[in-house]
Structures are given as structure tokens and as C-alpha cells.
Amino acid sequence: MRKIKEIVLWVFRWIFLIPVYIYKYAISPLTPASCRHIPTCSEYAVQAIKIHGPFKGFLLAVRRISRCNPWGTEGYDPVPPKEEPKRKS
């Protein structure tokens, strides 16, 4: 059962990563550089999905992209670290 869960998560991870990679390598080079954050929003999305998984990573990426506007934030904005589950004592 655990193996099936890992395979499903892997498939969903790639379903979310493929559009980001298409944007990052096919569309982004054709547009002028205008990112207000470090790392860029596309790199942030890739890192968030790889660290937090496809669902939470996607939500973190959407939240970051929503802040990328003329009145939004700017500067260094790393992906938050993954919280380890708390152990029951």
C-alpha cells in the first residue's frame, strides 16, 4: 500500500512540475526579466513541489505568485522548510 501511495505522489508531482518546466524553459526566455523575488517564481514552484509534495507545494507556489505584483513583496523569499511530524511521547 505504501508503494502505491509513493507512485501516486510521484505521478502528481510530475503533473504539477511539467507545466512549470515548460514555462521556465520555453516561455520565460522569450519575455523580459521582471521577477521581483529570489528565487524566481518558477524556481520557487519547483522547490516547493519537491520539498512539500504536489499539493502543498502547489498551494505555496500559488501564494507566492499572487504576491508577485507591483504592490506585492520583493527580495529574498525562500521556500519554508518542511515541518517534521511531531512524535507522540
Protein backbone atom coordinates (compact mmCIF):
# COMPACT_ATOMS: atom_id res chain seq x y z
CA MET A 1 0.00 0.00 0.00
CA ARG A 2 2.85 2.38 0.82
CA LYS A 3 4.46 1.75 -2.58
CA ILE A 4 1.19 2.68 -4.33
CA LYS A 5 1.00 5.94 -2.36
CA GLU A 6 4.57 6.81 -3.36
CA ILE A 7 3.82 6.12 -7.03
CA VAL A 8 0.66 8.25 -6.95
CA LEU A 9 2.53 11.14 -5.31
CA TRP A 10 5.32 10.82 -7.88
CA VAL A 11 2.79 11.00 -10.73
CA PHE A 12 1.06 14.04 -9.24
CA ARG A 13 4.42 15.71 -8.61
CA TRP A 14 5.26 15.43 -12.29
CA ILE A 15 1.77 16.56 -13.34
CA PHE A 16 2.46 19.81 -11.44
CA LEU A 17 6.14 20.12 -12.45
CA ILE A 18 5.80 19.65 -16.21
CA PRO A 19 3.88 22.92 -16.80
CA VAL A 20 6.40 24.80 -14.63
CA TYR A 21 9.32 23.37 -16.62
CA ILE A 22 7.57 24.24 -19.90
CA TYR A 23 7.13 27.82 -18.71
CA LYS A 24 10.65 28.02 -17.29
CA TYR A 25 12.48 26.76 -20.39
CA ALA A 26 10.14 27.63 -23.30
CA ILE A 27 8.15 30.75 -22.38
CA SER A 28 10.24 32.61 -19.80
CA PRO A 29 13.31 33.08 -22.06
CA LEU A 30 11.08 34.92 -24.57
CA THR A 31 9.94 37.52 -22.04
CA PRO A 32 11.98 40.27 -20.36
CA ALA A 33 13.32 39.54 -16.88
CA SER A 34 10.94 41.12 -14.39
CA CYS A 35 10.96 38.88 -11.34
CA ARG A 36 10.84 40.70 -8.02
CA HIS A 37 11.91 37.74 -5.88
CA ILE A 38 14.89 35.49 -5.37
CA PRO A 39 14.49 32.63 -6.24
CA THR A 40 12.27 33.30 -9.24
CA CYS A 41 8.65 32.22 -9.01
CA SER A 42 9.19 29.26 -11.33
CA GLU A 43 12.20 28.04 -9.34
CA TYR A 44 10.23 28.58 -6.12
CA ALA A 45 7.40 26.42 -7.51
CA VAL A 46 9.82 23.61 -8.41
CA GLN A 47 11.45 23.70 -4.97
CA ALA A 48 8.11 23.90 -3.14
CA ILE A 49 6.68 20.92 -5.02
CA LYS A 50 9.83 18.85 -4.47
CA ILE A 51 10.08 19.71 -0.75
CA HIS A 52 6.42 19.75 0.32
CA GLY A 53 4.84 17.42 -2.22
CA PRO A 54 2.50 18.19 -5.09
CA PHE A 55 -0.48 19.57 -3.22
CA LYS A 56 1.01 21.77 -0.51
CA GLY A 57 3.83 22.76 -2.88
CA PHE A 58 1.29 23.89 -5.47
CA LEU A 59 -0.54 25.97 -2.87
CA LEU A 60 2.73 27.57 -1.73
CA ALA A 61 3.59 28.39 -5.36
CA VAL A 62 0.17 29.94 -5.99
CA ARG A 63 0.53 32.04 -2.83
CA ARG A 64 3.97 33.22 -3.97
CA ILE A 65 2.79 34.07 -7.49
CA SER A 66 -0.11 36.05 -6.04
CA ARG A 67 2.42 38.22 -4.17
CA CYS A 68 4.36 38.92 -7.37
CA ASN A 69 2.73 42.16 -8.49
CA PRO A 70 3.68 45.85 -8.49
CA TRP A 71 2.27 46.32 -4.97
CA GLY A 72 3.49 42.97 -3.62
CA THR A 73 6.65 41.88 -1.87
CA GLU A 74 10.16 41.68 -3.27
CA GLY A 75 13.56 40.34 -2.29
CA TYR A 76 14.76 37.04 -0.90
CA ASP A 77 11.83 34.69 -0.25
CA PRO A 78 12.91 31.04 0.16
CA VAL A 79 10.63 28.03 0.34
CA PRO A 80 9.79 27.34 4.00
CA PRO A 81 11.34 24.14 5.34
CA LYS A 82 9.19 21.07 5.69
CA GLU A 83 7.89 20.59 9.21
CA GLU A 84 8.60 17.18 10.64
CA PRO A 85 5.59 15.43 12.18
CA LYS A 86 5.55 15.66 15.95
CA ARG A 87 6.19 12.41 17.77
CA LYS A 88 3.73 11.22 20.34
CA SER A 89 5.52 10.63 23.62
